[in-house]
Every structure is written in structure tokens, then in C-alpha cells.
Amino acid sequence: MTFRKGVSGNPAGRPRGSKNHHALDKRMRELARTGESPLEVMLAVMRDENEKIGLRLDAAKAAAPYMHSKMPIAVEDTDPNPPLLFDTQALAGLSVQEKITLLALFEKIGATLPNVP
């Protein structure tokens, strides 16, 4: 089709048989009247076997970020001997004999405690 001066848009109008792109919006307005949340509406559309597969897939894609969180980026720990962390308040509650026993156990396995109160 060629350009004609003074004519805007599509002079022939919407072609016969073209798809209505507002099907999901229409369905969501319909289900929203029931007071459901947008996520519940998307899940209802996704699970409705009477809906067209394209509409169901669009609803599934839209609902996915609300149902499944993204995996965190993995951080590789390269230290073969990570430091031991202790609650100093818990260590302060030990008796002198318990502290001596604890230090002896750590010396036996080759670990050291920083400052035991």
C-alpha cells in the first residue's frame, strides 16, 4: 500500500479476522470484580483450560516473578580453614575449668581462640 497525502492511519480499518489483543485485559477486569488480587487473577487465567494457550502462557510469565524468587549469585568460598566465630557473652559465662578444657580441645585440633575472657 502506498502513502497517500491527507490520509492518516490505516484507511482500510482493522482487517477481518485479526485477533483481539485485549483478551487478557478483559479477563482480568472480569475476575477483578470478585476482589481477587492481581496475582490470583493471573493464576486463575493460567490454570483455566478453556483459555487459549497463548493467553495462559502470558499469564504464567506475568505471575512467575511473584511466585518464584531469582536464585542468588553464588559466591565461591576459597578459604579451606574459615575462622571460627564465638559469642563472647556465652564464653564469659564459662567457668575457669570449662575455659581451660575448651582451650585444650582447640589446641588438640590445631585451632586457636582469639581472646577468651
PDB file of N, CA and C in Angstrom:
ATOM      1  N   MET A   1       0.841  -1.174   0.000  1.00  0.00           N
ATOM      2  CA  MET A   1       0.000   0.000   0.000  1.00  0.00           C
ATOM      3  C   MET A   1       0.889   1.242   0.000  1.00  0.00           C
ATOM      4  N   THR A   2       0.547   2.197  -0.780  1.00  0.00           N
ATOM      5  CA  THR A   2       1.371   3.398  -0.907  1.00  0.00           C
ATOM      6  C   THR A   2       0.834   4.513  -0.030  1.00  0.00           C
ATOM      7  N   PHE A   3       1.705   5.444   0.259  1.00  0.00           N
ATOM      8  CA  PHE A   3       1.320   6.590   1.057  1.00  0.00           C
ATOM      9  C   PHE A   3       0.452   7.534   0.220  1.00  0.00           C
ATOM     10  N   ARG A   4      -0.633   7.993   0.862  1.00  0.00           N
ATOM     11  CA  ARG A   4      -1.479   8.985   0.183  1.00  0.00           C
ATOM     12  C   ARG A   4      -1.561  10.230   1.044  1.00  0.00           C
ATOM     13  N   LYS A   5      -1.342  11.345   0.432  1.00  0.00           N
ATOM     14  CA  LYS A   5      -1.354  12.625   1.121  1.00  0.00           C
ATOM     15  C   LYS A   5      -2.742  12.891   1.708  1.00  0.00           C
ATOM     16  N   GLY A   6      -2.767  13.297   3.009  1.00  0.00           N
ATOM     17  CA  GLY A   6      -4.028  13.637   3.659  1.00  0.00           C
ATOM     18  C   GLY A   6      -4.736  12.453   4.309  1.00  0.00           C
ATOM     19  N   VAL A   7      -4.208  11.255   4.180  1.00  0.00           N
ATOM     20  CA  VAL A   7      -4.822  10.067   4.782  1.00  0.00           C
ATOM     21  C   VAL A   7      -3.922   9.591   5.907  1.00  0.00           C
ATOM     22  N   SER A   8      -4.490   9.458   7.098  1.00  0.00           N
ATOM     23  CA  SER A   8      -3.689   9.023   8.239  1.00  0.00           C
ATOM     24  C   SER A   8      -4.107   7.627   8.674  1.00  0.00           C
ATOM     25  N   GLY A   9      -3.199   6.942   9.328  1.00  0.00           N
ATOM     26  CA  GLY A   9      -3.504   5.636   9.882  1.00  0.00           C
ATOM     27  C   GLY A   9      -3.728   4.583   8.825  1.00  0.00           C
ATOM     28  N   ASN A  10      -4.599   3.649   9.136  1.00  0.00           N
ATOM     29  CA  ASN A  10      -4.917   2.559   8.221  1.00  0.00           C
ATOM     30  C   ASN A  10      -6.278   2.850   7.613  1.00  0.00           C
ATOM     31  N   PRO A  11      -6.322   3.300   6.384  1.00  0.00           N
ATOM     32  CA  PRO A  11      -7.599   3.689   5.794  1.00  0.00           C
ATOM     33  C   PRO A  11      -8.564   2.518   5.624  1.00  0.00           C
ATOM     34  N   ALA A  12      -8.050   1.311   5.595  1.00  0.00           N
ATOM     35  CA  ALA A  12      -8.930   0.152   5.420  1.00  0.00           C
ATOM     36  C   ALA A  12      -9.537  -0.286   6.747  1.00  0.00           C
ATOM     37  N   GLY A  13      -9.039   0.248   7.864  1.00  0.00           N
ATOM     38  CA  GLY A  13      -9.547  -0.164   9.164  1.00  0.00           C
ATOM     39  C   GLY A  13      -8.894  -1.450   9.626  1.00  0.00           C
ATOM     40  N   ARG A  14      -9.461  -2.023  10.646  1.00  0.00           N
ATOM     41  CA  ARG A  14      -8.922  -3.266  11.192  1.00  0.00           C
ATOM     42  C   ARG A  14      -9.262  -4.418  10.247  1.00  0.00           C
ATOM     43  N   PRO A  15      -8.259  -5.227   9.881  1.00  0.00           N
ATOM     44  CA  PRO A  15      -8.518  -6.337   8.959  1.00  0.00           C
ATOM     45  C   PRO A  15      -9.461  -7.371   9.578  1.00  0.00           C
ATOM     46  N   ARG A  16     -10.281  -7.982   8.749  1.00  0.00           N
ATOM     47  CA  ARG A  16     -11.190  -9.015   9.235  1.00  0.00           C
ATOM     48  C   ARG A  16     -10.395 -10.194   9.791  1.00  0.00           C
ATOM     49  N   GLY A  17     -10.894 -10.739  10.892  1.00  0.00           N
ATOM     50  CA  GLY A  17     -10.265 -11.913  11.485  1.00  0.00           C
ATOM     51  C   GLY A  17      -9.034 -11.637  12.316  1.00  0.00           C
ATOM     52  N   SER A  18      -8.666 -10.368  12.466  1.00  0.00           N
ATOM     53  CA  SER A  18      -7.489 -10.082  13.293  1.00  0.00           C
ATOM     54  C   SER A  18      -7.845 -10.320  14.758  1.00  0.00           C
ATOM     55  N   LYS A  19      -6.821 -10.699  15.532  1.00  0.00           N
ATOM     56  CA  LYS A  19      -7.050 -11.076  16.919  1.00  0.00           C
ATOM     57  C   LYS A  19      -7.270  -9.851  17.789  1.00  0.00           C
ATOM     58  N   ASN A  20      -8.100 -10.047  18.797  1.00  0.00           N
ATOM     59  CA  ASN A  20      -8.341  -9.011  19.786  1.00  0.00           C
ATOM     60  C   ASN A  20      -7.222  -9.102  20.818  1.00  0.00           C
ATOM     61  N   HIS A  21      -6.429  -8.075  20.928  1.00  0.00           N
ATOM     62  CA  HIS A  21      -5.283  -8.096  21.820  1.00  0.00           C
ATOM     63  C   HIS A  21      -5.649  -7.731  23.258  1.00  0.00           C
ATOM     64  N   HIS A  22      -6.906  -7.510  23.507  1.00  0.00           N
ATOM     65  CA  HIS A  22      -7.328  -7.106  24.839  1.00  0.00           C
ATOM     66  C   HIS A  22      -7.996  -8.244  25.599  1.00  0.00           C
ATOM     67  N   ALA A  23      -7.771  -9.475  25.173  1.00  0.00           N
ATOM     68  CA  ALA A  23      -8.422 -10.616  25.814  1.00  0.00           C
ATOM     69  C   ALA A  23      -7.976 -10.769  27.260  1.00  0.00           C
ATOM     70  N   LEU A  24      -6.666 -10.621  27.524  1.00  0.00           N
ATOM     71  CA  LEU A  24      -6.180 -10.749  28.889  1.00  0.00           C
ATOM     72  C   LEU A  24      -6.715  -9.620  29.754  1.00  0.00           C
ATOM     73  N   ASP A  25      -6.728  -8.385  29.233  1.00  0.00           N
ATOM     74  CA  ASP A  25      -7.264  -7.263  29.995  1.00  0.00           C
ATOM     75  C   ASP A  25      -8.732  -7.485  30.323  1.00  0.00           C
ATOM     76  N   LYS A  26      -9.483  -7.967  29.353  1.00  0.00           N
ATOM     77  CA  LYS A  26     -10.906  -8.218  29.563  1.00  0.00           C
ATOM     78  C   LYS A  26     -11.100  -9.274  30.649  1.00  0.00           C
ATOM     79  N   ARG A  27     -10.327 -10.353  30.576  1.00  0.00           N
ATOM     80  CA  ARG A  27     -10.428 -11.429  31.552  1.00  0.00           C
ATOM     81  C   ARG A  27     -10.021 -10.936  32.937  1.00  0.00           C
ATOM     82  N   MET A  28      -8.993 -10.105  33.007  1.00  0.00           N
ATOM     83  CA  MET A  28      -8.547  -9.594  34.306  1.00  0.00           C
ATOM     84  C   MET A  28      -9.580  -8.666  34.914  1.00  0.00           C
ATOM     85  N   ARG A  29     -10.218  -7.816  34.093  1.00  0.00           N
ATOM     86  CA  ARG A  29     -11.287  -6.947  34.618  1.00  0.00           C
ATOM     87  C   ARG A  29     -12.449  -7.778  35.137  1.00  0.00           C
ATOM     88  N   GLU A  30     -12.738  -8.839  34.412  1.00  0.00           N
ATOM     89  CA  GLU A  30     -13.837  -9.722  34.785  1.00  0.00           C
ATOM     90  C   GLU A  30     -13.574 -10.390  36.134  1.00  0.00           C
ATOM     91  N   LEU A  31     -12.362 -10.898  36.314  1.00  0.00           N
ATOM     92  CA  LEU A  31     -12.022 -11.570  37.564  1.00  0.00           C
ATOM     93  C   LEU A  31     -11.755 -10.581  38.700  1.00  0.00           C
ATOM     94  N   ALA A  32     -11.346  -9.364  38.365  1.00  0.00           N
ATOM     95  CA  ALA A  32     -11.055  -8.360  39.394  1.00  0.00           C
ATOM     96  C   ALA A  32     -12.315  -7.922  40.123  1.00  0.00           C
ATOM     97  N   ARG A  33     -13.442  -8.065  39.487  1.00  0.00           N
ATOM     98  CA  ARG A  33     -14.704  -7.686  40.153  1.00  0.00           C
ATOM     99  C   ARG A  33     -14.965  -8.549  41.373  1.00  0.00           C
ATOM    100  N   THR A  34     -14.370  -9.717  41.427  1.00  0.00           N
ATOM    101  CA  THR A  34     -14.572 -10.619  42.559  1.00  0.00           C
ATOM    102  C   THR A  34     -13.727 -10.225  43.763  1.00  0.00           C
ATOM    103  N   GLY A  35     -12.829  -9.262  43.604  1.00  0.00           N
ATOM    104  CA  GLY A  35     -11.995  -8.799  44.717  1.00  0.00           C
ATOM    105  C   GLY A  35     -10.695  -9.570  44.852  1.00  0.00           C
ATOM    106  N   GLU A  36     -10.352 -10.358  43.845  1.00  0.00           N
ATOM    107  CA  GLU A  36      -9.108 -11.119  43.896  1.00  0.00           C
ATOM    108  C   GLU A  36      -7.917 -10.203  43.623  1.00  0.00           C
ATOM    109  N   SER A  37      -6.781 -10.616  44.136  1.00  0.00           N
ATOM    110  CA  SER A  37      -5.562  -9.850  43.873  1.00  0.00           C
ATOM    111  C   SER A  37      -5.127 -10.100  42.432  1.00  0.00           C
ATOM    112  N   PRO A  38      -4.296  -9.213  41.868  1.00  0.00           N
ATOM    113  CA  PRO A  38      -3.813  -9.423  40.500  1.00  0.00           C
ATOM    114  C   PRO A  38      -3.099 -10.767  40.331  1.00  0.00           C
ATOM    115  N   LEU A  39      -2.357 -11.197  41.349  1.00  0.00           N
ATOM    116  CA  LEU A  39      -1.681 -12.485  41.264  1.00  0.00           C
ATOM    117  C   LEU A  39      -2.686 -13.626  41.175  1.00  0.00           C
ATOM    118  N   GLU A  40      -3.733 -13.569  41.992  1.00  0.00           N
ATOM    119  CA  GLU A  40      -4.765 -14.604  41.940  1.00  0.00           C
ATOM    120  C   GLU A  40      -5.457 -14.633  40.588  1.00  0.00           C
ATOM    121  N   VAL A  41      -5.660 -13.466  40.002  1.00  0.00           N
ATOM    122  CA  VAL A  41      -6.293 -13.383  38.683  1.00  0.00           C
ATOM    123  C   VAL A  41      -5.392 -14.030  37.635  1.00  0.00           C
ATOM    124  N   MET A  42      -4.085 -13.691  37.681  1.00  0.00           N
ATOM    125  CA  MET A  42      -3.159 -14.272  36.705  1.00  0.00           C
ATOM    126  C   MET A  42      -3.089 -15.785  36.850  1.00  0.00           C
ATOM    127  N   LEU A  43      -3.088 -16.274  38.093  1.00  0.00           N
ATOM    128  CA  LEU A  43      -3.040 -17.712  38.308  1.00  0.00           C
ATOM    129  C   LEU A  43      -4.328 -18.380  37.835  1.00  0.00           C
ATOM    130  N   ALA A  44      -5.463 -17.716  38.024  1.00  0.00           N
ATOM    131  CA  ALA A  44      -6.733 -18.271  37.555  1.00  0.00           C
ATOM    132  C   ALA A  44      -6.748 -18.383  36.031  1.00  0.00           C
ATOM    133  N   VAL A  45      -6.253 -17.365  35.345  1.00  0.00           N
ATOM    134  CA  VAL A  45      -6.186 -17.394  33.884  1.00  0.00           C
ATOM    135  C   VAL A  45      -5.229 -18.494  33.437  1.00  0.00           C
ATOM    136  N   MET A  46      -4.099 -18.610  34.117  1.00  0.00           N
ATOM    137  CA  MET A  46      -3.099 -19.606  33.753  1.00  0.00           C
ATOM    138  C   MET A  46      -3.658 -21.027  33.895  1.00  0.00           C
ATOM    139  N   ARG A  47      -4.474 -21.257  34.905  1.00  0.00           N
ATOM    140  CA  ARG A  47      -4.996 -22.601  35.180  1.00  0.00           C
ATOM    141  C   ARG A  47      -6.277 -22.931  34.417  1.00  0.00           C
ATOM    142  N   ASP A  48      -6.882 -21.938  33.785  1.00  0.00           N
ATOM    143  CA  ASP A  48      -8.143 -22.154  33.073  1.00  0.00           C
ATOM    144  C   ASP A  48      -7.878 -22.884  31.755  1.00  0.00           C
ATOM    145  N   GLU A  49      -8.295 -24.132  31.679  1.00  0.00           N
ATOM    146  CA  GLU A  49      -8.042 -24.943  30.484  1.00  0.00           C
ATOM    147  C   GLU A  49      -8.866 -24.488  29.277  1.00  0.00           C
ATOM    148  N   ASN A  50      -9.889 -23.678  29.495  1.00  0.00           N
ATOM    149  CA  ASN A  50     -10.715 -23.192  28.394  1.00  0.00           C
ATOM    150  C   ASN A  50     -10.118 -21.982  27.692  1.00  0.00           C
ATOM    151  N   GLU A  51      -9.100 -21.368  28.299  1.00  0.00           N
ATOM    152  CA  GLU A  51      -8.447 -20.207  27.696  1.00  0.00           C
ATOM    153  C   GLU A  51      -7.465 -20.661  26.620  1.00  0.00           C
ATOM    154  N   LYS A  52      -7.161 -19.768  25.703  1.00  0.00           N
ATOM    155  CA  LYS A  52      -6.173 -20.066  24.658  1.00  0.00           C
ATOM    156  C   LYS A  52      -4.800 -20.193  25.295  1.00  0.00           C
ATOM    157  N   ILE A  53      -3.990 -21.060  24.721  1.00  0.00           N
ATOM    158  CA  ILE A  53      -2.672 -21.345  25.295  1.00  0.00           C
ATOM    159  C   ILE A  53      -1.789 -20.102  25.347  1.00  0.00           C
ATOM    160  N   GLY A  54      -1.898 -19.240  24.367  1.00  0.00           N
ATOM    161  CA  GLY A  54      -1.086 -18.016  24.364  1.00  0.00           C
ATOM    162  C   GLY A  54      -1.424 -17.117  25.539  1.00  0.00           C
ATOM    163  N   LEU A  55      -2.712 -16.989  25.824  1.00  0.00           N
ATOM    164  CA  LEU A  55      -3.156 -16.178  26.952  1.00  0.00           C
ATOM    165  C   LEU A  55      -2.700 -16.800  28.272  1.00  0.00           C
ATOM    166  N   ARG A  56      -2.777 -18.125  28.364  1.00  0.00           N
ATOM    167  CA  ARG A  56      -2.344 -18.820  29.574  1.00  0.00           C
ATOM    168  C   ARG A  56      -0.842 -18.646  29.791  1.00  0.00           C
ATOM    169  N   LEU A  57      -0.069 -18.705  28.705  1.00  0.00           N
ATOM    170  CA  LEU A  57       1.377 -18.515  28.820  1.00  0.00           C
ATOM    171  C   LEU A  57       1.723 -17.083  29.232  1.00  0.00           C
ATOM    172  N   ASP A  58       1.001 -16.107  28.686  1.00  0.00           N
ATOM    173  CA  ASP A  58       1.235 -14.711  29.079  1.00  0.00           C
ATOM    174  C   ASP A  58       0.952 -14.512  30.566  1.00  0.00           C
ATOM    175  N   ALA A  59      -0.128 -15.127  31.053  1.00  0.00           N
ATOM    176  CA  ALA A  59      -0.466 -15.018  32.478  1.00  0.00           C
ATOM    177  C   ALA A  59       0.599 -15.691  33.333  1.00  0.00           C
ATOM    178  N   ALA A  60       1.098 -16.837  32.883  1.00  0.00           N
ATOM    179  CA  ALA A  60       2.144 -17.546  33.631  1.00  0.00           C
ATOM    180  C   ALA A  60       3.426 -16.723  33.697  1.00  0.00           C
ATOM    181  N   LYS A  61       3.798 -16.105  32.575  1.00  0.00           N
ATOM    182  CA  LYS A  61       5.007 -15.271  32.556  1.00  0.00           C
ATOM    183  C   LYS A  61       4.862 -14.069  33.484  1.00  0.00           C
ATOM    184  N   ALA A  62       3.671 -13.497  33.510  1.00  0.00           N
ATOM    185  CA  ALA A  62       3.447 -12.320  34.359  1.00  0.00           C
ATOM    186  C   ALA A  62       3.437 -12.696  35.836  1.00  0.00           C
ATOM    187  N   ALA A  63       2.961 -13.904  36.168  1.00  0.00           N
ATOM    188  CA  ALA A  63       2.859 -14.325  37.568  1.00  0.00           C
ATOM    189  C   ALA A  63       4.167 -14.892  38.110  1.00  0.00           C
ATOM    190  N   ALA A  64       5.039 -15.370  37.241  1.00  0.00           N
ATOM    191  CA  ALA A  64       6.257 -16.060  37.673  1.00  0.00           C
ATOM    192  C   ALA A  64       7.123 -15.262  38.652  1.00  0.00           C
ATOM    193  N   PRO A  65       7.403 -13.975  38.422  1.00  0.00           N
ATOM    194  CA  PRO A  65       8.265 -13.255  39.364  1.00  0.00           C
ATOM    195  C   PRO A  65       7.679 -13.140  40.771  1.00  0.00           C
ATOM    196  N   TYR A  66       6.364 -13.248  40.902  1.00  0.00           N
ATOM    197  CA  TYR A  66       5.727 -13.153  42.216  1.00  0.00           C
ATOM    198  C   TYR A  66       5.704 -14.496  42.936  1.00  0.00           C
ATOM    199  N   MET A  67       5.881 -15.574  42.180  1.00  0.00           N
ATOM    200  CA  MET A  67       5.819 -16.913  42.772  1.00  0.00           C
ATOM    201  C   MET A  67       7.199 -17.513  43.033  1.00  0.00           C
ATOM    202  N   HIS A  68       8.174 -17.164  42.216  1.00  0.00           N
ATOM    203  CA  HIS A  68       9.496 -17.773  42.311  1.00  0.00           C
ATOM    204  C   HIS A  68      10.546 -16.679  42.346  1.00  0.00           C
ATOM    205  N   SER A  69      11.339 -16.665  43.414  1.00  0.00           N
ATOM    206  CA  SER A  69      12.387 -15.652  43.502  1.00  0.00           C
ATOM    207  C   SER A  69      13.577 -16.082  42.660  1.00  0.00           C
ATOM    208  N   LYS A  70      14.379 -15.117  42.261  1.00  0.00           N
ATOM    209  CA  LYS A  70      15.561 -15.418  41.469  1.00  0.00           C
ATOM    210  C   LYS A  70      16.621 -16.035  42.376  1.00  0.00           C
ATOM    211  N   MET A  71      17.405 -16.901  41.795  1.00  0.00           N
ATOM    212  CA  MET A  71      18.477 -17.537  42.552  1.00  0.00           C
ATOM    213  C   MET A  71      19.570 -16.512  42.832  1.00  0.00           C
ATOM    214  N   PRO A  72      20.113 -16.516  44.058  1.00  0.00           N
ATOM    215  CA  PRO A  72      21.194 -15.573  44.356  1.00  0.00           C
ATOM    216  C   PRO A  72      22.454 -15.966  43.601  1.00  0.00           C
ATOM    217  N   ILE A  73      23.309 -14.986  43.386  1.00  0.00           N
ATOM    218  CA  ILE A  73      24.576 -15.243  42.725  1.00  0.00           C
ATOM    219  C   ILE A  73      25.455 -16.028  43.687  1.00  0.00           C
ATOM    220  N   ALA A  74      25.996 -17.123  43.227  1.00  0.00           N
ATOM    221  CA  ALA A  74      26.826 -17.974  44.084  1.00  0.00           C
ATOM    222  C   ALA A  74      28.185 -17.316  44.309  1.00  0.00           C
ATOM    223  N   VAL A  75      28.614 -17.344  45.558  1.00  0.00           N
ATOM    224  CA  VAL A  75      29.928 -16.826  45.912  1.00  0.00           C
ATOM    225  C   VAL A  75      30.751 -18.020  46.367  1.00  0.00           C
ATOM    226  N   GLU A  76      31.840 -18.247  45.686  1.00  0.00           N
ATOM    227  CA  GLU A  76      32.671 -19.400  45.992  1.00  0.00           C
ATOM    228  C   GLU A  76      33.595 -19.064  47.144  1.00  0.00           C
ATOM    229  N   ASP A  77      33.569 -19.912  48.176  1.00  0.00           N
ATOM    230  CA  ASP A  77      34.434 -19.717  49.335  1.00  0.00           C
ATOM    231  C   ASP A  77      35.712 -20.509  49.102  1.00  0.00           C
ATOM    232  N   THR A  78      36.821 -19.810  48.974  1.00  0.00           N
ATOM    233  CA  THR A  78      38.085 -20.475  48.658  1.00  0.00           C
ATOM    234  C   THR A  78      38.940 -20.742  49.884  1.00  0.00           C
ATOM    235  N   ASP A  79      38.548 -20.257  51.055  1.00  0.00           N
ATOM    236  CA  ASP A  79      39.333 -20.447  52.271  1.00  0.00           C
ATOM    237  C   ASP A  79      39.064 -21.851  52.837  1.00  0.00           C
ATOM    238  N   PRO A  80      40.072 -22.732  52.847  1.00  0.00           N
ATOM    239  CA  PRO A  80      39.839 -24.080  53.372  1.00  0.00           C
ATOM    240  C   PRO A  80      39.675 -24.107  54.891  1.00  0.00           C
ATOM    241  N   ASN A  81      40.186 -23.097  55.582  1.00  0.00           N
ATOM    242  CA  ASN A  81      40.073 -23.029  57.041  1.00  0.00           C
ATOM    243  C   ASN A  81      39.396 -21.728  57.448  1.00  0.00           C
ATOM    244  N   PRO A  82      38.059 -21.671  57.351  1.00  0.00           N
ATOM    245  CA  PRO A  82      37.376 -20.431  57.712  1.00  0.00           C
ATOM    246  C   PRO A  82      37.513 -20.156  59.216  1.00  0.00           C
ATOM    247  N   PRO A  83      37.514 -18.896  59.607  1.00  0.00           N
ATOM    248  CA  PRO A  83      37.661 -18.568  61.030  1.00  0.00           C
ATOM    249  C   PRO A  83      36.437 -19.017  61.825  1.00  0.00           C
ATOM    250  N   LEU A  84      36.685 -19.392  63.074  1.00  0.00           N
ATOM    251  CA  LEU A  84      35.592 -19.779  63.963  1.00  0.00           C
ATOM    252  C   LEU A  84      35.059 -18.528  64.647  1.00  0.00           C
ATOM    253  N   LEU A  85      33.767 -18.409  64.717  1.00  0.00           N
ATOM    254  CA  LEU A  85      33.144 -17.265  65.369  1.00  0.00           C
ATOM    255  C   LEU A  85      32.485 -17.719  66.665  1.00  0.00           C
ATOM    256  N   PHE A  86      32.697 -16.944  67.717  1.00  0.00           N
ATOM    257  CA  PHE A  86      32.137 -17.284  69.012  1.00  0.00           C
ATOM    258  C   PHE A  86      31.367 -16.109  69.577  1.00  0.00           C
ATOM    259  N   ASP A  87      30.380 -16.452  70.361  1.00  0.00           N
ATOM    260  CA  ASP A  87      29.624 -15.444  71.091  1.00  0.00           C
ATOM    261  C   ASP A  87      30.393 -15.178  72.379  1.00  0.00           C
ATOM    262  N   THR A  88      30.988 -13.996  72.490  1.00  0.00           N
ATOM    263  CA  THR A  88      31.828 -13.711  73.656  1.00  0.00           C
ATOM    264  C   THR A  88      31.024 -13.689  74.952  1.00  0.00           C
ATOM    265  N   GLN A  89      29.753 -13.365  74.871  1.00  0.00           N
ATOM    266  CA  GLN A  89      28.915 -13.392  76.080  1.00  0.00           C
ATOM    267  C   GLN A  89      28.764 -14.821  76.589  1.00  0.00           C
ATOM    268  N   ALA A  90      28.614 -15.775  75.669  1.00  0.00           N
ATOM    269  CA  ALA A  90      28.487 -17.181  76.067  1.00  0.00           C
ATOM    270  C   ALA A  90      29.792 -17.680  76.664  1.00  0.00           C
ATOM    271  N   LEU A  91      30.930 -17.256  76.086  1.00  0.00           N
ATOM    272  CA  LEU A  91      32.221 -17.676  76.627  1.00  0.00           C
ATOM    273  C   LEU A  91      32.474 -17.061  77.999  1.00  0.00           C
ATOM    274  N   ALA A  92      31.978 -15.868  78.216  1.00  0.00           N
ATOM    275  CA  ALA A  92      32.179 -15.202  79.506  1.00  0.00           C
ATOM    276  C   ALA A  92      31.454 -15.941  80.626  1.00  0.00           C
ATOM    277  N   GLY A  93      30.413 -16.679  80.285  1.00  0.00           N
ATOM    278  CA  GLY A  93      29.658 -17.414  81.297  1.00  0.00           C
ATOM    279  C   GLY A  93      30.280 -18.743  81.682  1.00  0.00           C
ATOM    280  N   LEU A  94      31.386 -19.124  81.040  1.00  0.00           N
ATOM    281  CA  LEU A  94      32.030 -20.395  81.365  1.00  0.00           C
ATOM    282  C   LEU A  94      32.897 -20.253  82.614  1.00  0.00           C
ATOM    283  N   SER A  95      33.007 -21.346  83.311  1.00  0.00           N
ATOM    284  CA  SER A  95      33.898 -21.333  84.474  1.00  0.00           C
ATOM    285  C   SER A  95      35.339 -21.415  83.989  1.00  0.00           C
ATOM    286  N   VAL A  96      36.278 -21.197  84.902  1.00  0.00           N
ATOM    287  CA  VAL A  96      37.693 -21.237  84.552  1.00  0.00           C
ATOM    288  C   VAL A  96      38.064 -22.631  84.060  1.00  0.00           C
ATOM    289  N   GLN A  97      37.557 -23.654  84.723  1.00  0.00           N
ATOM    290  CA  GLN A  97      37.864 -25.029  84.327  1.00  0.00           C
ATOM    291  C   GLN A  97      37.305 -25.328  82.929  1.00  0.00           C
ATOM    292  N   GLU A  98      36.103 -24.837  82.636  1.00  0.00           N
ATOM    293  CA  GLU A  98      35.491 -25.052  81.316  1.00  0.00           C
ATOM    294  C   GLU A  98      36.297 -24.337  80.219  1.00  0.00           C
ATOM    295  N   LYS A  99      36.796 -23.150  80.537  1.00  0.00           N
ATOM    296  CA  LYS A  99      37.620 -22.417  79.569  1.00  0.00           C
ATOM    297  C   LYS A  99      38.923 -23.168  79.298  1.00  0.00           C
ATOM    298  N   ILE A 100      39.540 -23.717  80.336  1.00  0.00           N
ATOM    299  CA  ILE A 100      40.784 -24.479  80.169  1.00  0.00           C
ATOM    300  C   ILE A 100      40.527 -25.716  79.306  1.00  0.00           C
ATOM    301  N   THR A 101      39.402 -26.400  79.571  1.00  0.00           N
ATOM    302  CA  THR A 101      39.043 -27.583  78.777  1.00  0.00           C
ATOM    303  C   THR A 101      38.798 -27.208  77.324  1.00  0.00           C
ATOM    304  N   LEU A 102      38.095 -26.107  77.108  1.00  0.00           N
ATOM    305  CA  LEU A 102      37.810 -25.651  75.743  1.00  0.00           C
ATOM    306  C   LEU A 102      39.099 -25.312  74.996  1.00  0.00           C
ATOM    307  N   LEU A 103      40.013 -24.597  75.668  1.00  0.00           N
ATOM    308  CA  LEU A 103      41.291 -24.259  75.041  1.00  0.00           C
ATOM    309  C   LEU A 103      42.101 -25.506  74.722  1.00  0.00           C
ATOM    310  N   ALA A 104      42.061 -26.492  75.608  1.00  0.00           N
ATOM    311  CA  ALA A 104      42.802 -27.734  75.378  1.00  0.00           C
ATOM    312  C   ALA A 104      42.236 -28.472  74.164  1.00  0.00           C
ATOM    313  N   LEU A 105      40.922 -28.476  74.043  1.00  0.00           N
ATOM    314  CA  LEU A 105      40.293 -29.135  72.890  1.00  0.00           C
ATOM    315  C   LEU A 105      40.676 -28.445  71.581  1.00  0.00           C
ATOM    316  N   PHE A 106      40.713 -27.129  71.589  1.00  0.00           N
ATOM    317  CA  PHE A 106      41.079 -26.397  70.383  1.00  0.00           C
ATOM    318  C   PHE A 106      42.546 -26.564  70.045  1.00  0.00           C
ATOM    319  N   GLU A 107      43.397 -26.638  71.047  1.00  0.00           N
ATOM    320  CA  GLU A 107      44.812 -26.884  70.785  1.00  0.00           C
ATOM    321  C   GLU A 107      45.006 -28.273  70.197  1.00  0.00           C
ATOM    322  N   LYS A 108      44.177 -29.235  70.635  1.00  0.00           N
ATOM    323  CA  LYS A 108      44.276 -30.607  70.147  1.00  0.00           C
ATOM    324  C   LYS A 108      43.950 -30.694  68.652  1.00  0.00           C
ATOM    325  N   ILE A 109      42.995 -29.878  68.205  1.00  0.00           N
ATOM    326  CA  ILE A 109      42.638 -29.922  66.773  1.00  0.00           C
ATOM    327  C   ILE A 109      43.400 -28.880  65.964  1.00  0.00           C
ATOM    328  N   GLY A 110      44.233 -28.089  66.612  1.00  0.00           N
ATOM    329  CA  GLY A 110      45.064 -27.128  65.901  1.00  0.00           C
ATOM    330  C   GLY A 110      44.411 -25.785  65.678  1.00  0.00           C
ATOM    331  N   ALA A 111      43.333 -25.516  66.354  1.00  0.00           N
ATOM    332  CA  ALA A 111      42.657 -24.217  66.216  1.00  0.00           C
ATOM    333  C   ALA A 111      43.037 -23.344  67.386  1.00  0.00           C
ATOM    334  N   THR A 112      42.935 -22.043  67.199  1.00  0.00           N
ATOM    335  CA  THR A 112      43.232 -21.094  68.279  1.00  0.00           C
ATOM    336  C   THR A 112      42.037 -20.205  68.504  1.00  0.00           C
ATOM    337  N   LEU A 113      41.855 -19.807  69.728  1.00  0.00           N
ATOM    338  CA  LEU A 113      40.808 -18.869  70.091  1.00  0.00           C
ATOM    339  C   LEU A 113      41.448 -17.503  70.229  1.00  0.00           C
ATOM    340  N   PRO A 114      40.749 -16.447  69.732  1.00  0.00           N
ATOM    341  CA  PRO A 114      41.336 -15.113  69.875  1.00  0.00           C
ATOM    342  C   PRO A 114      41.498 -14.723  71.333  1.00  0.00           C
ATOM    343  N   ASN A 115      40.595 -14.007  71.912  1.00  0.00           N
ATOM    344  CA  ASN A 115      40.684 -13.573  73.312  1.00  0.00           C
ATOM    345  C   ASN A 115      39.534 -14.194  74.084  1.00  0.00           C
ATOM    346  N   VAL A 116      39.851 -15.111  74.956  1.00  0.00           N
ATOM    347  CA  VAL A 116      38.810 -15.718  75.784  1.00  0.00           C
ATOM    348  C   VAL A 116      38.788 -14.954  77.092  1.00  0.00           C
ATOM    349  N   PRO A 117      37.654 -14.350  77.429  1.00  0.00           N
ATOM    350  CA  PRO A 117      37.599 -13.550  78.668  1.00  0.00           C
ATOM    351  C   PRO A 117      37.697 -14.418  79.918  1.00  0.00           C
TER     352      PRO A 117
END
